[in-house]
Amino acid sequence: MTPTEERNIACFTRFIEEGLNQKKISNIADEFINGNIVMEAPGVPTMDGRLKGNDIFKFFTSSFVDAFPDVKCSMAHCIAEGDALAVDVLYEGTHTKEFAGVPATDKYIKGGELWYMLFANGKIRHLKICEYGTPLRAMLLGE
């Protein structure tokens, strides 16, 4: 494994542990998120399904951890190649506040997503999130 790949894995591991699990996204995001990040994810309310910029990234990720205050995220699998990183992210938690237009359900949910990232100078510059299994919104709505 190259030093670049090790650095990128360490960056994302810290994001999972401190940003999501410890709810410190706004404290550490500037350290590992490129200011012009492009984020593609389910439920993104734009015509092309993309959001751009550090502030919007912080808003979306903070909204998630706020709606699931006991959320625990982990990395099941990780593949690194140069400035690209693919991670199987598992999550579980209780939906206690509104998220993505869905009022609190108090449901305990478990799910998984594949996160594909491109890095530049040790910071995430492009992120694609792909849900698998039952989508989060469907779990919350009982679909």
N, C-alpha and C. Protein backbone atom coordinates (compact mmCIF):
# COMPACT_ATOMS: atom_id res chain seq x y z
N MET A 1 0.85 -1.17 0.00
CA MET A 1 0.00 0.00 0.00
C MET A 1 0.90 1.24 0.00
N THR A 2 0.51 2.24 -0.78
CA THR A 2 1.32 3.45 -0.89
C THR A 2 1.04 4.40 0.27
N PRO A 3 1.94 5.35 0.52
CA PRO A 3 1.67 6.36 1.55
C PRO A 3 0.39 7.16 1.27
N THR A 4 0.12 7.45 0.00
CA THR A 4 -1.10 8.18 -0.36
C THR A 4 -2.33 7.37 0.02
N GLU A 5 -2.33 6.10 -0.28
CA GLU A 5 -3.48 5.25 0.05
C GLU A 5 -3.66 5.14 1.57
N GLU A 6 -2.56 4.99 2.30
CA GLU A 6 -2.63 4.94 3.76
C GLU A 6 -3.19 6.24 4.33
N ARG A 7 -2.75 7.37 3.78
CA ARG A 7 -3.23 8.68 4.24
C ARG A 7 -4.73 8.81 3.99
N ASN A 8 -5.19 8.40 2.82
CA ASN A 8 -6.61 8.53 2.49
C ASN A 8 -7.48 7.64 3.38
N ILE A 9 -7.03 6.44 3.65
CA ILE A 9 -7.76 5.54 4.56
C ILE A 9 -7.81 6.14 5.96
N ALA A 10 -6.70 6.68 6.43
CA ALA A 10 -6.66 7.30 7.76
C ALA A 10 -7.61 8.49 7.82
N CYS A 11 -7.66 9.27 6.77
CA CYS A 11 -8.56 10.43 6.69
C CYS A 11 -10.01 9.97 6.82
N PHE A 12 -10.40 8.98 6.05
CA PHE A 12 -11.79 8.53 6.08
C PHE A 12 -12.13 7.83 7.39
N THR A 13 -11.19 7.07 7.93
CA THR A 13 -11.42 6.42 9.23
C THR A 13 -11.70 7.47 10.29
N ARG A 14 -10.95 8.56 10.25
CA ARG A 14 -11.16 9.65 11.22
C ARG A 14 -12.53 10.29 11.00
N PHE A 15 -12.93 10.46 9.74
CA PHE A 15 -14.25 11.01 9.46
C PHE A 15 -15.34 10.13 10.08
N ILE A 16 -15.23 8.82 9.91
CA ILE A 16 -16.22 7.89 10.47
C ILE A 16 -16.23 7.99 12.00
N GLU A 17 -15.05 7.88 12.61
CA GLU A 17 -14.97 7.85 14.07
C GLU A 17 -15.32 9.18 14.72
N GLU A 18 -14.64 10.24 14.31
CA GLU A 18 -14.86 11.54 14.95
C GLU A 18 -16.05 12.29 14.37
N GLY A 19 -16.15 12.30 13.05
CA GLY A 19 -17.22 13.06 12.41
C GLY A 19 -18.60 12.48 12.64
N LEU A 20 -18.78 11.20 12.30
CA LEU A 20 -20.10 10.58 12.42
C LEU A 20 -20.36 10.01 13.81
N ASN A 21 -19.48 9.15 14.30
CA ASN A 21 -19.75 8.48 15.58
C ASN A 21 -19.66 9.42 16.78
N GLN A 22 -18.73 10.38 16.74
CA GLN A 22 -18.60 11.32 17.86
C GLN A 22 -19.32 12.64 17.60
N LYS A 23 -19.97 12.76 16.43
CA LYS A 23 -20.79 13.94 16.07
C LYS A 23 -19.98 15.23 16.03
N LYS A 24 -18.74 15.19 15.53
CA LYS A 24 -17.88 16.37 15.47
C LYS A 24 -17.62 16.81 14.03
N ILE A 25 -18.60 16.67 13.17
CA ILE A 25 -18.41 16.98 11.75
C ILE A 25 -17.94 18.41 11.53
N SER A 26 -18.63 19.37 12.12
CA SER A 26 -18.26 20.76 11.87
C SER A 26 -16.89 21.10 12.44
N ASN A 27 -16.44 20.37 13.45
CA ASN A 27 -15.13 20.64 14.04
C ASN A 27 -13.98 20.17 13.17
N ILE A 28 -14.17 19.06 12.45
CA ILE A 28 -13.04 18.47 11.73
C ILE A 28 -13.19 18.43 10.22
N ALA A 29 -14.36 18.78 9.69
CA ALA A 29 -14.60 18.65 8.25
C ALA A 29 -13.59 19.42 7.41
N ASP A 30 -13.23 20.62 7.81
CA ASP A 30 -12.30 21.42 7.01
C ASP A 30 -10.94 20.74 6.87
N GLU A 31 -10.60 19.86 7.78
CA GLU A 31 -9.31 19.17 7.72
C GLU A 31 -9.28 18.09 6.65
N PHE A 32 -10.43 17.50 6.32
CA PHE A 32 -10.41 16.37 5.40
C PHE A 32 -11.37 16.48 4.23
N ILE A 33 -12.09 17.60 4.12
CA ILE A 33 -13.01 17.80 3.00
C ILE A 33 -12.51 18.97 2.17
N ASN A 34 -12.33 18.74 0.88
CA ASN A 34 -11.95 19.79 -0.05
C ASN A 34 -13.09 20.82 -0.09
N GLY A 35 -12.78 22.09 -0.06
CA GLY A 35 -13.79 23.15 -0.05
C GLY A 35 -14.75 23.11 -1.22
N ASN A 36 -14.34 22.50 -2.31
CA ASN A 36 -15.19 22.41 -3.50
C ASN A 36 -15.70 20.98 -3.71
N ILE A 37 -15.88 20.24 -2.63
CA ILE A 37 -16.31 18.84 -2.74
C ILE A 37 -17.59 18.73 -3.58
N VAL A 38 -17.65 17.68 -4.36
CA VAL A 38 -18.86 17.32 -5.10
C VAL A 38 -19.40 16.06 -4.43
N MET A 39 -20.67 16.09 -4.05
CA MET A 39 -21.29 14.96 -3.37
C MET A 39 -22.49 14.50 -4.19
N GLU A 40 -22.52 13.20 -4.49
CA GLU A 40 -23.66 12.59 -5.19
C GLU A 40 -24.23 11.53 -4.25
N ALA A 41 -25.52 11.65 -3.95
CA ALA A 41 -26.11 10.72 -2.98
C ALA A 41 -27.62 10.62 -3.19
N PRO A 42 -28.23 9.52 -2.72
CA PRO A 42 -29.69 9.40 -2.80
C PRO A 42 -30.35 10.55 -2.03
N GLY A 43 -31.41 11.07 -2.57
CA GLY A 43 -32.17 12.12 -1.89
C GLY A 43 -31.62 13.52 -2.05
N VAL A 44 -30.54 13.69 -2.80
CA VAL A 44 -30.00 15.03 -3.01
C VAL A 44 -31.01 15.81 -3.85
N PRO A 45 -31.49 16.95 -3.32
CA PRO A 45 -32.57 17.68 -3.99
C PRO A 45 -32.11 18.61 -5.12
N THR A 46 -31.37 18.08 -6.07
CA THR A 46 -30.97 18.88 -7.23
C THR A 46 -31.29 18.08 -8.49
N MET A 47 -31.36 18.74 -9.61
CA MET A 47 -31.70 18.07 -10.86
C MET A 47 -30.70 16.99 -11.23
N ASP A 48 -29.42 17.24 -10.99
CA ASP A 48 -28.40 16.25 -11.36
C ASP A 48 -27.98 15.35 -10.20
N GLY A 49 -28.62 15.52 -9.02
CA GLY A 49 -28.30 14.67 -7.87
C GLY A 49 -26.95 14.97 -7.26
N ARG A 50 -26.43 16.18 -7.50
CA ARG A 50 -25.12 16.55 -6.97
C ARG A 50 -25.22 17.81 -6.10
N LEU A 51 -24.41 17.84 -5.09
CA LEU A 51 -24.24 19.03 -4.26
C LEU A 51 -22.77 19.41 -4.31
N LYS A 52 -22.50 20.70 -4.19
CA LYS A 52 -21.11 21.15 -4.25
C LYS A 52 -20.82 22.08 -3.09
N GLY A 53 -19.68 21.88 -2.46
CA GLY A 53 -19.21 22.77 -1.41
C GLY A 53 -19.19 22.16 -0.03
N ASN A 54 -18.24 22.62 0.75
CA ASN A 54 -18.01 22.12 2.10
C ASN A 54 -19.21 22.36 3.02
N ASP A 55 -19.82 23.55 2.94
CA ASP A 55 -20.92 23.87 3.85
C ASP A 55 -22.12 22.95 3.63
N ILE A 56 -22.44 22.66 2.38
CA ILE A 56 -23.59 21.79 2.11
C ILE A 56 -23.28 20.36 2.53
N PHE A 57 -22.02 19.94 2.38
CA PHE A 57 -21.61 18.62 2.85
C PHE A 57 -21.80 18.54 4.37
N LYS A 58 -21.33 19.56 5.08
CA LYS A 58 -21.48 19.58 6.54
C LYS A 58 -22.96 19.55 6.93
N PHE A 59 -23.79 20.30 6.21
CA PHE A 59 -25.22 20.34 6.51
C PHE A 59 -25.85 18.96 6.37
N PHE A 60 -25.59 18.28 5.26
CA PHE A 60 -26.20 16.97 5.03
C PHE A 60 -25.71 15.92 6.03
N THR A 61 -24.42 15.88 6.29
CA THR A 61 -23.92 14.88 7.23
C THR A 61 -24.34 15.21 8.66
N SER A 62 -24.36 16.49 9.02
CA SER A 62 -24.82 16.88 10.36
C SER A 62 -26.30 16.56 10.54
N SER A 63 -27.10 16.75 9.49
CA SER A 63 -28.53 16.43 9.56
C SER A 63 -28.73 14.94 9.85
N PHE A 64 -27.89 14.11 9.25
CA PHE A 64 -27.99 12.66 9.47
C PHE A 64 -27.69 12.31 10.92
N VAL A 65 -26.57 12.78 11.45
CA VAL A 65 -26.22 12.41 12.83
C VAL A 65 -27.15 13.07 13.84
N ASP A 66 -27.74 14.22 13.50
CA ASP A 66 -28.70 14.86 14.39
C ASP A 66 -29.99 14.03 14.46
N ALA A 67 -30.42 13.49 13.32
CA ALA A 67 -31.66 12.70 13.27
C ALA A 67 -31.50 11.31 13.89
N PHE A 68 -30.26 10.83 13.94
CA PHE A 68 -29.94 9.51 14.52
C PHE A 68 -28.86 9.72 15.59
N PRO A 69 -29.21 10.28 16.75
CA PRO A 69 -28.19 10.66 17.73
C PRO A 69 -27.37 9.50 18.29
N ASP A 70 -27.88 8.28 18.20
CA ASP A 70 -27.11 7.13 18.68
C ASP A 70 -26.44 6.38 17.53
N VAL A 71 -26.37 7.00 16.35
CA VAL A 71 -25.83 6.32 15.17
C VAL A 71 -24.41 5.82 15.42
N LYS A 72 -24.15 4.64 14.92
CA LYS A 72 -22.80 4.06 14.92
C LYS A 72 -22.51 3.63 13.50
N CYS A 73 -21.41 4.10 12.98
CA CYS A 73 -20.99 3.76 11.63
C CYS A 73 -19.69 2.99 11.69
N SER A 74 -19.51 2.11 10.74
CA SER A 74 -18.27 1.33 10.68
C SER A 74 -17.91 1.04 9.23
N MET A 75 -16.66 0.65 9.03
CA MET A 75 -16.16 0.30 7.71
C MET A 75 -16.05 -1.21 7.64
N ALA A 76 -16.88 -1.83 6.78
CA ALA A 76 -16.83 -3.29 6.64
C ALA A 76 -15.70 -3.71 5.70
N HIS A 77 -15.55 -3.01 4.61
CA HIS A 77 -14.52 -3.32 3.62
C HIS A 77 -13.98 -2.01 3.06
N CYS A 78 -12.74 -2.03 2.64
CA CYS A 78 -12.10 -0.83 2.12
C CYS A 78 -11.13 -1.22 1.01
N ILE A 79 -11.22 -0.53 -0.12
CA ILE A 79 -10.30 -0.77 -1.23
C ILE A 79 -9.71 0.58 -1.64
N ALA A 80 -8.40 0.67 -1.64
CA ALA A 80 -7.71 1.91 -2.00
C ALA A 80 -6.86 1.68 -3.24
N GLU A 81 -6.89 2.67 -4.12
CA GLU A 81 -6.03 2.64 -5.30
C GLU A 81 -5.68 4.09 -5.65
N GLY A 82 -4.45 4.48 -5.39
CA GLY A 82 -4.04 5.86 -5.65
C GLY A 82 -4.89 6.83 -4.87
N ASP A 83 -5.50 7.80 -5.57
CA ASP A 83 -6.35 8.80 -4.92
C ASP A 83 -7.81 8.38 -4.84
N ALA A 84 -8.11 7.11 -5.14
CA ALA A 84 -9.49 6.61 -5.06
C ALA A 84 -9.63 5.68 -3.85
N LEU A 85 -10.78 5.78 -3.20
CA LEU A 85 -11.06 4.94 -2.04
C LEU A 85 -12.52 4.50 -2.11
N ALA A 86 -12.76 3.20 -1.98
CA ALA A 86 -14.12 2.65 -1.96
C ALA A 86 -14.31 1.96 -0.61
N VAL A 87 -15.40 2.30 0.07
CA VAL A 87 -15.64 1.78 1.42
C VAL A 87 -17.09 1.31 1.55
N ASP A 88 -17.26 0.15 2.16
CA ASP A 88 -18.58 -0.36 2.53
C ASP A 88 -18.86 0.18 3.92
N VAL A 89 -19.75 1.17 4.01
CA VAL A 89 -20.07 1.83 5.27
C VAL A 89 -21.36 1.24 5.83
N LEU A 90 -21.28 0.70 7.04
CA LEU A 90 -22.46 0.17 7.74
C LEU A 90 -22.89 1.19 8.78
N TYR A 91 -24.20 1.31 8.98
CA TYR A 91 -24.71 2.23 9.99
C TYR A 91 -25.90 1.61 10.70
N GLU A 92 -26.11 2.06 11.94
CA GLU A 92 -27.29 1.67 12.69
C GLU A 92 -27.57 2.74 13.73
N GLY A 93 -28.85 2.96 13.99
CA GLY A 93 -29.23 3.98 14.96
C GLY A 93 -30.73 4.16 14.99
N THR A 94 -31.18 5.00 15.92
CA THR A 94 -32.59 5.26 16.14
C THR A 94 -32.98 6.62 15.55
N HIS A 95 -34.02 6.63 14.75
CA HIS A 95 -34.49 7.83 14.06
C HIS A 95 -35.36 8.65 15.01
N THR A 96 -34.78 9.66 15.66
CA THR A 96 -35.50 10.43 16.68
C THR A 96 -35.88 11.85 16.25
N LYS A 97 -35.38 12.31 15.10
CA LYS A 97 -35.72 13.65 14.59
C LYS A 97 -35.94 13.56 13.08
N GLU A 98 -36.55 14.60 12.53
CA GLU A 98 -36.83 14.64 11.09
C GLU A 98 -35.55 14.43 10.29
N PHE A 99 -35.67 13.64 9.22
CA PHE A 99 -34.55 13.45 8.30
C PHE A 99 -35.10 13.25 6.90
N ALA A 100 -34.58 14.00 5.95
CA ALA A 100 -34.96 13.89 4.54
C ALA A 100 -36.48 13.98 4.36
N GLY A 101 -37.10 14.86 5.14
CA GLY A 101 -38.54 15.06 5.02
C GLY A 101 -39.39 14.05 5.76
N VAL A 102 -38.75 13.11 6.45
CA VAL A 102 -39.50 12.09 7.20
C VAL A 102 -39.46 12.45 8.68
N PRO A 103 -40.65 12.69 9.31
CA PRO A 103 -40.67 12.98 10.74
C PRO A 103 -40.10 11.81 11.55
N ALA A 104 -39.69 12.09 12.76
CA ALA A 104 -39.13 11.06 13.64
C ALA A 104 -40.07 9.86 13.72
N THR A 105 -39.49 8.66 13.62
CA THR A 105 -40.29 7.43 13.70
C THR A 105 -39.93 6.60 14.93
N ASP A 106 -38.83 6.93 15.58
CA ASP A 106 -38.28 6.15 16.70
C ASP A 106 -37.95 4.72 16.30
N LYS A 107 -37.76 4.48 15.00
CA LYS A 107 -37.36 3.16 14.52
C LYS A 107 -35.85 3.00 14.63
N TYR A 108 -35.45 1.80 15.05
CA TYR A 108 -34.03 1.44 15.05
C TYR A 108 -33.75 0.81 13.70
N ILE A 109 -32.82 1.38 12.96
CA ILE A 109 -32.54 0.90 11.61
C ILE A 109 -31.08 0.48 11.48
N LYS A 110 -30.85 -0.41 10.53
CA LYS A 110 -29.49 -0.85 10.16
C LYS A 110 -29.43 -0.84 8.65
N GLY A 111 -28.34 -0.33 8.12
CA GLY A 111 -28.21 -0.30 6.67
C GLY A 111 -26.77 -0.24 6.23
N GLY A 112 -26.61 -0.15 4.93
CA GLY A 112 -25.27 -0.08 4.37
C GLY A 112 -25.24 0.76 3.10
N GLU A 113 -24.10 1.36 2.87
CA GLU A 113 -23.89 2.17 1.68
C GLU A 113 -22.47 1.94 1.18
N LEU A 114 -22.31 2.06 -0.11
CA LEU A 114 -20.97 2.05 -0.70
C LEU A 114 -20.59 3.50 -0.95
N TRP A 115 -19.46 3.90 -0.41
CA TRP A 115 -18.96 5.26 -0.59
C TRP A 115 -17.74 5.17 -1.49
N TYR A 116 -17.78 5.89 -2.60
CA TYR A 116 -16.64 5.96 -3.52
C TYR A 116 -16.12 7.39 -3.47
N MET A 117 -14.84 7.53 -3.14
CA MET A 117 -14.26 8.85 -2.96
C MET A 117 -13.03 9.05 -3.82
N LEU A 118 -12.86 10.28 -4.26
CA LEU A 118 -11.63 10.71 -4.91
C LEU A 118 -11.01 11.77 -4.03
N PHE A 119 -9.71 11.68 -3.81
CA PHE A 119 -8.99 12.60 -2.95
C PHE A 119 -8.08 13.51 -3.77
N ALA A 120 -7.77 14.66 -3.21
CA ALA A 120 -6.75 15.56 -3.75
C ALA A 120 -6.00 16.13 -2.56
N ASN A 121 -4.71 15.92 -2.51
CA ASN A 121 -3.87 16.42 -1.42
C ASN A 121 -4.39 16.02 -0.04
N GLY A 122 -4.87 14.78 0.08
CA GLY A 122 -5.30 14.26 1.37
C GLY A 122 -6.69 14.67 1.80
N LYS A 123 -7.46 15.31 0.91
CA LYS A 123 -8.82 15.73 1.24
C LYS A 123 -9.80 15.13 0.22
N ILE A 124 -10.98 14.78 0.71
CA ILE A 124 -12.01 14.23 -0.18
C ILE A 124 -12.51 15.35 -1.09
N ARG A 125 -12.41 15.12 -2.41
CA ARG A 125 -12.88 16.14 -3.36
C ARG A 125 -14.14 15.71 -4.10
N HIS A 126 -14.43 14.41 -4.13
CA HIS A 126 -15.63 13.90 -4.80
C HIS A 126 -16.11 12.67 -4.03
N LEU A 127 -17.39 12.63 -3.74
CA LEU A 127 -17.98 11.53 -2.97
C LEU A 127 -19.25 11.07 -3.65
N LYS A 128 -19.34 9.77 -3.90
CA LYS A 128 -20.56 9.15 -4.42
C LYS A 128 -21.03 8.14 -3.39
N ILE A 129 -22.29 8.25 -2.99
CA ILE A 129 -22.87 7.33 -2.01
C ILE A 129 -23.95 6.51 -2.71
N CYS A 130 -23.83 5.19 -2.63
CA CYS A 130 -24.80 4.28 -3.24
C CYS A 130 -25.37 3.37 -2.15
N GLU A 131 -26.68 3.46 -1.93
CA GLU A 131 -27.33 2.58 -0.95
C GLU A 131 -27.46 1.18 -1.52
N TYR A 132 -27.48 0.20 -0.65
CA TYR A 132 -27.81 -1.16 -1.07
C TYR A 132 -28.71 -1.76 -0.01
N GLY A 133 -29.37 -2.86 -0.36
CA GLY A 133 -30.38 -3.42 0.55
C GLY A 133 -31.60 -2.51 0.54
N THR A 134 -32.28 -2.40 1.64
CA THR A 134 -33.45 -1.53 1.74
C THR A 134 -32.97 -0.10 1.93
N PRO A 135 -33.36 0.84 1.05
CA PRO A 135 -32.93 2.23 1.20
C PRO A 135 -33.40 2.82 2.53
N LEU A 136 -32.62 3.74 3.07
CA LEU A 136 -32.90 4.36 4.36
C LEU A 136 -34.31 4.95 4.40
N ARG A 137 -34.67 5.73 3.42
CA ARG A 137 -36.00 6.36 3.42
C ARG A 137 -37.11 5.30 3.46
N ALA A 138 -36.94 4.21 2.73
CA ALA A 138 -37.94 3.14 2.73
C ALA A 138 -38.03 2.49 4.11
N MET A 139 -36.89 2.33 4.79
CA MET A 139 -36.92 1.77 6.15
C MET A 139 -37.69 2.68 7.09
N LEU A 140 -37.47 4.00 6.97
CA LEU A 140 -38.13 4.95 7.85
C LEU A 140 -39.63 5.00 7.61
N LEU A 141 -40.03 4.89 6.34
CA LEU A 141 -41.45 4.96 5.99
C LEU A 141 -42.14 3.61 6.07
N GLY A 142 -41.38 2.55 6.34
CA GLY A 142 -41.96 1.22 6.44
C GLY A 142 -42.40 0.65 5.11
N GLU A 143 -41.71 1.05 4.04
CA GLU A 143 -42.07 0.58 2.69
C GLU A 143 -41.41 -0.73 2.36
